[in-house]
Amino acid sequence: MNQRKLIVVGFFILVFGLPVGWYLFLQAFGENKFALPVIEKSEGNCEEPQGYAVVRLDSIAANTKPNERQRVITKLMNIGEVKLIEGNKDSCKWNYEMSLVDHDGMIRGIYDLKREEVDRFLAEVDIYVLNYRNGTSTGK
């Protein structure tokens, strides 16, 4: 082989071999781990379905932000593990406008009905559902 062919082969090994090697290394030794921290034990008076994670949404706050409410409802329509509960946070004794309560009754996320907070909720509910389906959701 002449020097030009060695340079071309070395270039292809560098361009294709290094990323493939890195990918295989990460597949073998890497671990994607996203966990939602437990904030506090859930308290409340309103009846909630058993065996589901719950998104508690204050009706009064939701009526002032109908677009954000609709985004939450649309997201939860396709997720069977999470149910939406709307109520008055004063009568139900909830402390927050919107919160994500896991299957064990622990609050995993607290949100306001602002665009940025709803965006964060949409991402965190995906993380929670993925962890729940994989059996890694209980990170107390």
N, C-alpha and C. Protein backbone atom coordinates (compact mmCIF):
# COMPACT_ATOMS: atom_id res chain seq x y z
N MET A 1 0.84 -1.18 0.00
CA MET A 1 0.00 0.00 0.00
C MET A 1 0.88 1.24 0.00
N ASN A 2 0.41 2.16 -0.73
CA ASN A 2 1.17 3.40 -0.71
C ASN A 2 0.66 4.32 0.39
N GLN A 3 1.34 5.40 0.55
CA GLN A 3 1.04 6.32 1.65
C GLN A 3 -0.35 6.95 1.50
N ARG A 4 -0.80 7.22 0.30
CA ARG A 4 -2.12 7.83 0.08
C ARG A 4 -3.24 6.90 0.55
N LYS A 5 -3.10 5.60 0.24
CA LYS A 5 -4.12 4.64 0.67
C LYS A 5 -4.15 4.51 2.19
N LEU A 6 -3.01 4.56 2.82
CA LEU A 6 -2.97 4.52 4.29
C LEU A 6 -3.67 5.73 4.91
N ILE A 7 -3.49 6.88 4.31
CA ILE A 7 -4.15 8.09 4.82
C ILE A 7 -5.66 7.98 4.66
N VAL A 8 -6.12 7.48 3.51
CA VAL A 8 -7.56 7.32 3.26
C VAL A 8 -8.15 6.30 4.25
N VAL A 9 -7.50 5.17 4.44
CA VAL A 9 -7.98 4.16 5.38
C VAL A 9 -7.99 4.72 6.80
N GLY A 10 -6.96 5.41 7.19
CA GLY A 10 -6.91 6.03 8.51
C GLY A 10 -8.01 7.07 8.70
N PHE A 11 -8.29 7.83 7.65
CA PHE A 11 -9.37 8.82 7.71
C PHE A 11 -10.72 8.15 7.93
N PHE A 12 -11.00 7.07 7.16
CA PHE A 12 -12.27 6.36 7.32
C PHE A 12 -12.39 5.70 8.68
N ILE A 13 -11.32 5.18 9.19
CA ILE A 13 -11.36 4.59 10.54
C ILE A 13 -11.67 5.68 11.58
N LEU A 14 -11.04 6.82 11.41
CA LEU A 14 -11.28 7.93 12.33
C LEU A 14 -12.71 8.44 12.22
N VAL A 15 -13.19 8.65 11.00
CA VAL A 15 -14.52 9.22 10.80
C VAL A 15 -15.63 8.25 11.18
N PHE A 16 -15.48 6.98 10.84
CA PHE A 16 -16.56 6.02 11.10
C PHE A 16 -16.28 5.13 12.32
N GLY A 17 -15.07 4.76 12.54
CA GLY A 17 -14.75 3.85 13.64
C GLY A 17 -14.87 4.48 15.00
N LEU A 18 -14.42 5.73 15.13
CA LEU A 18 -14.49 6.40 16.42
C LEU A 18 -15.93 6.58 16.91
N PRO A 19 -16.85 7.11 16.11
CA PRO A 19 -18.24 7.22 16.58
C PRO A 19 -18.89 5.87 16.87
N VAL A 20 -18.63 4.88 16.02
CA VAL A 20 -19.20 3.55 16.26
C VAL A 20 -18.62 2.97 17.55
N GLY A 21 -17.35 3.12 17.76
CA GLY A 21 -16.74 2.64 19.01
C GLY A 21 -17.30 3.35 20.22
N TRP A 22 -17.48 4.65 20.12
CA TRP A 22 -18.04 5.43 21.23
C TRP A 22 -19.48 4.98 21.51
N TYR A 23 -20.27 4.77 20.47
CA TYR A 23 -21.65 4.31 20.62
C TYR A 23 -21.67 2.95 21.33
N LEU A 24 -20.85 2.03 20.89
CA LEU A 24 -20.82 0.70 21.50
C LEU A 24 -20.36 0.77 22.96
N PHE A 25 -19.39 1.64 23.24
CA PHE A 25 -18.94 1.83 24.62
C PHE A 25 -20.08 2.32 25.50
N LEU A 26 -20.82 3.32 25.02
CA LEU A 26 -21.93 3.86 25.81
C LEU A 26 -23.06 2.85 25.97
N GLN A 27 -23.32 2.05 24.95
CA GLN A 27 -24.34 1.02 25.07
C GLN A 27 -23.95 -0.01 26.13
N ALA A 28 -22.67 -0.33 26.20
CA ALA A 28 -22.22 -1.35 27.15
C ALA A 28 -22.11 -0.82 28.57
N PHE A 29 -21.64 0.41 28.73
CA PHE A 29 -21.33 0.91 30.07
C PHE A 29 -22.15 2.12 30.50
N GLY A 30 -22.89 2.72 29.60
CA GLY A 30 -23.66 3.92 29.94
C GLY A 30 -25.03 3.57 30.48
N GLU A 31 -25.61 4.51 31.19
CA GLU A 31 -26.94 4.31 31.75
C GLU A 31 -27.68 5.64 31.75
N ASN A 32 -28.82 5.67 31.08
CA ASN A 32 -29.66 6.86 31.11
C ASN A 32 -30.53 6.79 32.34
N LYS A 33 -30.41 7.79 33.19
CA LYS A 33 -31.17 7.77 34.42
C LYS A 33 -31.72 9.17 34.68
N PHE A 34 -33.01 9.28 34.54
CA PHE A 34 -33.69 10.52 34.88
C PHE A 34 -34.67 10.19 35.98
N ALA A 35 -34.60 10.87 37.07
CA ALA A 35 -35.49 10.61 38.18
C ALA A 35 -36.11 11.92 38.64
N LEU A 36 -37.38 11.84 38.96
CA LEU A 36 -38.07 13.00 39.53
C LEU A 36 -38.00 12.87 41.04
N PRO A 37 -37.50 13.89 41.72
CA PRO A 37 -37.36 13.78 43.17
C PRO A 37 -38.72 13.80 43.87
N VAL A 38 -38.77 13.17 45.02
CA VAL A 38 -39.96 13.22 45.86
C VAL A 38 -39.92 14.54 46.60
N ILE A 39 -40.98 15.33 46.46
CA ILE A 39 -41.02 16.64 47.10
C ILE A 39 -41.63 16.54 48.50
N GLU A 40 -42.77 15.90 48.58
CA GLU A 40 -43.43 15.72 49.88
C GLU A 40 -44.54 14.69 49.74
N LYS A 41 -45.07 14.25 50.87
CA LYS A 41 -46.22 13.35 50.89
C LYS A 41 -47.46 14.13 50.50
N SER A 42 -48.27 13.52 49.68
CA SER A 42 -49.48 14.17 49.18
C SER A 42 -50.55 14.22 50.26
N GLU A 43 -51.18 15.36 50.39
CA GLU A 43 -52.32 15.53 51.29
C GLU A 43 -53.49 16.08 50.49
N GLY A 44 -54.70 15.75 50.88
CA GLY A 44 -55.85 16.29 50.18
C GLY A 44 -57.13 15.59 50.60
N ASN A 45 -58.26 16.26 50.33
CA ASN A 45 -59.57 15.75 50.70
C ASN A 45 -60.31 15.11 49.53
N CYS A 46 -60.05 15.55 48.32
CA CYS A 46 -60.81 15.07 47.17
C CYS A 46 -60.46 13.62 46.86
N GLU A 47 -61.49 12.89 46.42
CA GLU A 47 -61.30 11.48 46.10
C GLU A 47 -60.49 11.35 44.81
N GLU A 48 -59.51 10.46 44.84
CA GLU A 48 -58.65 10.24 43.69
C GLU A 48 -58.64 8.76 43.34
N PRO A 49 -58.50 8.44 42.06
CA PRO A 49 -58.50 7.02 41.67
C PRO A 49 -57.28 6.30 42.21
N GLN A 50 -57.48 5.08 42.66
CA GLN A 50 -56.39 4.27 43.20
C GLN A 50 -55.68 3.55 42.05
N GLY A 51 -54.38 3.35 42.17
CA GLY A 51 -53.61 2.63 41.17
C GLY A 51 -53.16 3.47 40.00
N TYR A 52 -53.31 4.78 40.10
CA TYR A 52 -52.88 5.69 39.05
C TYR A 52 -52.03 6.80 39.64
N ALA A 53 -51.18 7.36 38.81
CA ALA A 53 -50.57 8.63 39.16
C ALA A 53 -51.62 9.69 38.83
N VAL A 54 -51.56 10.82 39.51
CA VAL A 54 -52.61 11.83 39.39
C VAL A 54 -51.97 13.18 39.13
N VAL A 55 -52.58 13.93 38.23
CA VAL A 55 -52.24 15.32 38.06
C VAL A 55 -53.38 16.12 38.68
N ARG A 56 -53.08 16.84 39.73
CA ARG A 56 -54.08 17.67 40.40
C ARG A 56 -54.04 19.05 39.77
N LEU A 57 -55.19 19.49 39.28
CA LEU A 57 -55.29 20.77 38.61
C LEU A 57 -56.37 21.60 39.27
N ASP A 58 -56.00 22.78 39.74
CA ASP A 58 -56.94 23.68 40.37
C ASP A 58 -57.86 24.28 39.30
N SER A 59 -59.16 24.06 39.43
CA SER A 59 -60.13 24.50 38.42
C SER A 59 -60.15 26.01 38.25
N ILE A 60 -60.04 26.73 39.34
CA ILE A 60 -60.10 28.20 39.27
C ILE A 60 -58.91 28.73 38.49
N ALA A 61 -57.73 28.24 38.78
CA ALA A 61 -56.53 28.66 38.05
C ALA A 61 -56.60 28.20 36.60
N ALA A 62 -57.13 27.00 36.37
CA ALA A 62 -57.20 26.46 35.01
C ALA A 62 -58.15 27.27 34.13
N ASN A 63 -59.21 27.78 34.71
CA ASN A 63 -60.16 28.57 33.93
C ASN A 63 -59.57 29.91 33.50
N THR A 64 -58.58 30.40 34.23
CA THR A 64 -57.94 31.65 33.82
C THR A 64 -56.91 31.43 32.73
N LYS A 65 -56.47 30.20 32.54
CA LYS A 65 -55.47 29.85 31.51
C LYS A 65 -55.99 28.68 30.67
N PRO A 66 -56.99 28.89 29.83
CA PRO A 66 -57.59 27.76 29.10
C PRO A 66 -56.63 27.09 28.12
N ASN A 67 -55.70 27.83 27.54
CA ASN A 67 -54.75 27.21 26.60
C ASN A 67 -53.81 26.24 27.31
N GLU A 68 -53.32 26.63 28.47
CA GLU A 68 -52.42 25.75 29.22
C GLU A 68 -53.18 24.53 29.74
N ARG A 69 -54.42 24.74 30.16
CA ARG A 69 -55.26 23.63 30.61
C ARG A 69 -55.45 22.64 29.48
N GLN A 70 -55.71 23.14 28.29
CA GLN A 70 -55.92 22.26 27.14
C GLN A 70 -54.66 21.48 26.78
N ARG A 71 -53.51 22.10 26.91
CA ARG A 71 -52.24 21.40 26.65
C ARG A 71 -52.06 20.23 27.61
N VAL A 72 -52.41 20.46 28.88
CA VAL A 72 -52.30 19.40 29.88
C VAL A 72 -53.27 18.27 29.56
N ILE A 73 -54.51 18.62 29.25
CA ILE A 73 -55.52 17.60 28.94
C ILE A 73 -55.12 16.79 27.71
N THR A 74 -54.65 17.48 26.67
CA THR A 74 -54.25 16.79 25.44
C THR A 74 -53.12 15.81 25.70
N LYS A 75 -52.16 16.20 26.52
CA LYS A 75 -51.03 15.32 26.84
C LYS A 75 -51.51 14.07 27.57
N LEU A 76 -52.40 14.26 28.53
CA LEU A 76 -52.81 13.15 29.39
C LEU A 76 -53.82 12.22 28.72
N MET A 77 -54.38 12.62 27.59
CA MET A 77 -55.35 11.77 26.90
C MET A 77 -54.71 10.47 26.42
N ASN A 78 -53.44 10.50 26.08
CA ASN A 78 -52.76 9.33 25.53
C ASN A 78 -51.96 8.54 26.55
N ILE A 79 -52.03 8.94 27.81
CA ILE A 79 -51.26 8.26 28.86
C ILE A 79 -52.24 7.56 29.80
N GLY A 80 -52.18 6.25 29.84
CA GLY A 80 -53.12 5.49 30.66
C GLY A 80 -52.75 5.44 32.13
N GLU A 81 -51.49 5.67 32.46
CA GLU A 81 -51.06 5.55 33.86
C GLU A 81 -51.31 6.79 34.68
N VAL A 82 -51.65 7.90 34.04
CA VAL A 82 -51.81 9.18 34.75
C VAL A 82 -53.22 9.72 34.48
N LYS A 83 -53.92 10.06 35.54
CA LYS A 83 -55.26 10.61 35.44
C LYS A 83 -55.26 12.07 35.88
N LEU A 84 -56.13 12.86 35.28
CA LEU A 84 -56.28 14.27 35.62
C LEU A 84 -57.43 14.42 36.60
N ILE A 85 -57.16 15.11 37.69
CA ILE A 85 -58.19 15.42 38.68
C ILE A 85 -58.28 16.93 38.77
N GLU A 86 -59.46 17.47 38.46
CA GLU A 86 -59.67 18.91 38.60
C GLU A 86 -60.52 19.15 39.83
N GLY A 87 -60.15 20.13 40.59
CA GLY A 87 -60.90 20.49 41.79
C GLY A 87 -60.46 21.85 42.27
N ASN A 88 -61.08 22.30 43.32
CA ASN A 88 -60.73 23.58 43.92
C ASN A 88 -59.67 23.31 44.98
N LYS A 89 -58.52 23.96 44.85
CA LYS A 89 -57.43 23.66 45.78
C LYS A 89 -57.78 24.03 47.21
N ASP A 90 -58.73 24.96 47.40
CA ASP A 90 -59.14 25.30 48.77
C ASP A 90 -60.02 24.20 49.37
N SER A 91 -60.99 23.70 48.62
CA SER A 91 -61.88 22.68 49.17
C SER A 91 -61.20 21.31 49.23
N CYS A 92 -60.26 21.04 48.33
CA CYS A 92 -59.55 19.75 48.33
C CYS A 92 -58.32 19.78 49.21
N LYS A 93 -57.98 20.95 49.72
CA LYS A 93 -56.81 21.14 50.57
C LYS A 93 -55.51 20.80 49.84
N TRP A 94 -55.43 21.19 48.56
CA TRP A 94 -54.18 21.08 47.81
C TRP A 94 -53.41 22.36 48.03
N ASN A 95 -52.12 22.29 47.94
CA ASN A 95 -51.29 23.47 48.18
C ASN A 95 -50.85 24.17 46.90
N TYR A 96 -51.11 23.56 45.73
CA TYR A 96 -50.51 24.07 44.50
C TYR A 96 -51.54 24.12 43.38
N GLU A 97 -51.27 24.99 42.39
CA GLU A 97 -52.16 25.08 41.23
C GLU A 97 -52.19 23.77 40.46
N MET A 98 -51.02 23.17 40.28
CA MET A 98 -50.95 21.89 39.58
C MET A 98 -49.81 21.09 40.18
N SER A 99 -50.06 19.80 40.38
CA SER A 99 -49.01 18.94 40.92
C SER A 99 -49.13 17.55 40.33
N LEU A 100 -48.00 16.86 40.25
CA LEU A 100 -47.94 15.49 39.78
C LEU A 100 -47.73 14.59 40.99
N VAL A 101 -48.70 13.73 41.25
CA VAL A 101 -48.65 12.82 42.39
C VAL A 101 -48.46 11.42 41.85
N ASP A 102 -47.44 10.72 42.33
CA ASP A 102 -47.13 9.39 41.79
C ASP A 102 -48.07 8.32 42.34
N HIS A 103 -47.84 7.09 41.93
CA HIS A 103 -48.68 5.96 42.34
C HIS A 103 -48.62 5.68 43.83
N ASP A 104 -47.57 6.15 44.49
CA ASP A 104 -47.40 5.92 45.92
C ASP A 104 -47.90 7.09 46.77
N GLY A 105 -48.52 8.09 46.13
CA GLY A 105 -49.05 9.23 46.87
C GLY A 105 -48.01 10.28 47.23
N MET A 106 -46.90 10.29 46.51
CA MET A 106 -45.85 11.29 46.75
C MET A 106 -45.88 12.33 45.64
N ILE A 107 -45.73 13.59 46.01
CA ILE A 107 -45.71 14.65 45.01
C ILE A 107 -44.35 14.67 44.34
N ARG A 108 -44.35 14.54 43.01
CA ARG A 108 -43.12 14.51 42.22
C ARG A 108 -42.86 15.81 41.48
N GLY A 109 -43.87 16.65 41.34
CA GLY A 109 -43.68 17.91 40.63
C GLY A 109 -44.74 18.92 41.03
N ILE A 110 -44.33 20.17 41.12
CA ILE A 110 -45.22 21.28 41.46
C ILE A 110 -45.09 22.31 40.34
N TYR A 111 -46.24 22.76 39.82
CA TYR A 111 -46.24 23.62 38.65
C TYR A 111 -47.25 24.74 38.80
N ASP A 112 -46.93 25.88 38.19
CA ASP A 112 -47.88 26.96 37.99
C ASP A 112 -48.44 26.79 36.59
N LEU A 113 -49.53 27.45 36.31
CA LEU A 113 -50.10 27.37 34.97
C LEU A 113 -49.54 28.48 34.08
N LYS A 114 -48.24 28.46 33.95
CA LYS A 114 -47.54 29.36 33.03
C LYS A 114 -46.96 28.50 31.93
N ARG A 115 -46.71 29.09 30.79
CA ARG A 115 -46.22 28.33 29.63
C ARG A 115 -44.95 27.54 29.96
N GLU A 116 -43.99 28.17 30.60
CA GLU A 116 -42.73 27.49 30.91
C GLU A 116 -42.95 26.33 31.87
N GLU A 117 -43.82 26.53 32.85
CA GLU A 117 -44.09 25.48 33.83
C GLU A 117 -44.85 24.31 33.19
N VAL A 118 -45.76 24.61 32.30
CA VAL A 118 -46.50 23.54 31.61
C VAL A 118 -45.55 22.78 30.69
N ASP A 119 -44.62 23.48 30.04
CA ASP A 119 -43.61 22.80 29.23
C ASP A 119 -42.79 21.84 30.10
N ARG A 120 -42.41 22.29 31.28
CA ARG A 120 -41.65 21.45 32.21
C ARG A 120 -42.49 20.25 32.64
N PHE A 121 -43.78 20.48 32.90
CA PHE A 121 -44.68 19.39 33.27
C PHE A 121 -44.76 18.35 32.15
N LEU A 122 -44.90 18.81 30.91
CA LEU A 122 -45.02 17.88 29.79
C LEU A 122 -43.78 16.99 29.67
N ALA A 123 -42.62 17.55 29.92
CA ALA A 123 -41.39 16.75 29.89
C ALA A 123 -41.31 15.81 31.09
N GLU A 124 -41.67 16.29 32.27
CA GLU A 124 -41.54 15.48 33.48
C GLU A 124 -42.55 14.34 33.52
N VAL A 125 -43.74 14.55 32.97
CA VAL A 125 -44.72 13.46 32.96
C VAL A 125 -44.24 12.35 32.02
N ASP A 126 -43.57 12.71 30.93
CA ASP A 126 -42.99 11.68 30.05
C ASP A 126 -41.91 10.90 30.79
N ILE A 127 -41.07 11.58 31.53
CA ILE A 127 -40.01 10.92 32.31
C ILE A 127 -40.63 9.99 33.35
N TYR A 128 -41.65 10.47 34.05
CA TYR A 128 -42.28 9.64 35.08
C TYR A 128 -42.90 8.39 34.48
N VAL A 129 -43.63 8.55 33.38
CA VAL A 129 -44.30 7.40 32.76
C VAL A 129 -43.27 6.40 32.23
N LEU A 130 -42.20 6.87 31.62
CA LEU A 130 -41.15 5.98 31.13
C LEU A 130 -40.52 5.21 32.29
N ASN A 131 -40.21 5.90 33.37
CA ASN A 131 -39.64 5.23 34.55
C ASN A 131 -40.63 4.25 35.15
N TYR A 132 -41.91 4.61 35.19
CA TYR A 132 -42.92 3.71 35.76
C TYR A 132 -43.06 2.46 34.91
N ARG A 133 -43.08 2.62 33.60
CA ARG A 133 -43.20 1.46 32.72
C ARG A 133 -41.97 0.55 32.79
N ASN A 134 -40.81 1.13 33.06
CA ASN A 134 -39.58 0.35 33.17
C ASN A 134 -39.36 -0.19 34.58
N GLY A 135 -40.22 0.20 35.51
CA GLY A 135 -40.09 -0.29 36.88
C GLY A 135 -39.05 0.44 37.71
N THR A 136 -38.69 1.66 37.30
CA THR A 136 -37.67 2.41 38.05
C THR A 136 -38.24 3.70 38.63
N SER A 137 -39.53 3.77 38.87
CA SER A 137 -40.16 5.04 39.27
C SER A 137 -40.07 5.34 40.75
N THR A 138 -39.76 4.38 41.58
CA THR A 138 -39.78 4.62 43.01
C THR A 138 -38.40 5.02 43.50
N GLY A 139 -38.06 6.29 43.34
CA GLY A 139 -36.79 6.79 43.83
C GLY A 139 -36.98 7.66 45.04
N LYS A 140 -37.30 7.05 46.18
CA LYS A 140 -37.62 7.81 47.39
C LYS A 140 -36.39 8.28 48.08
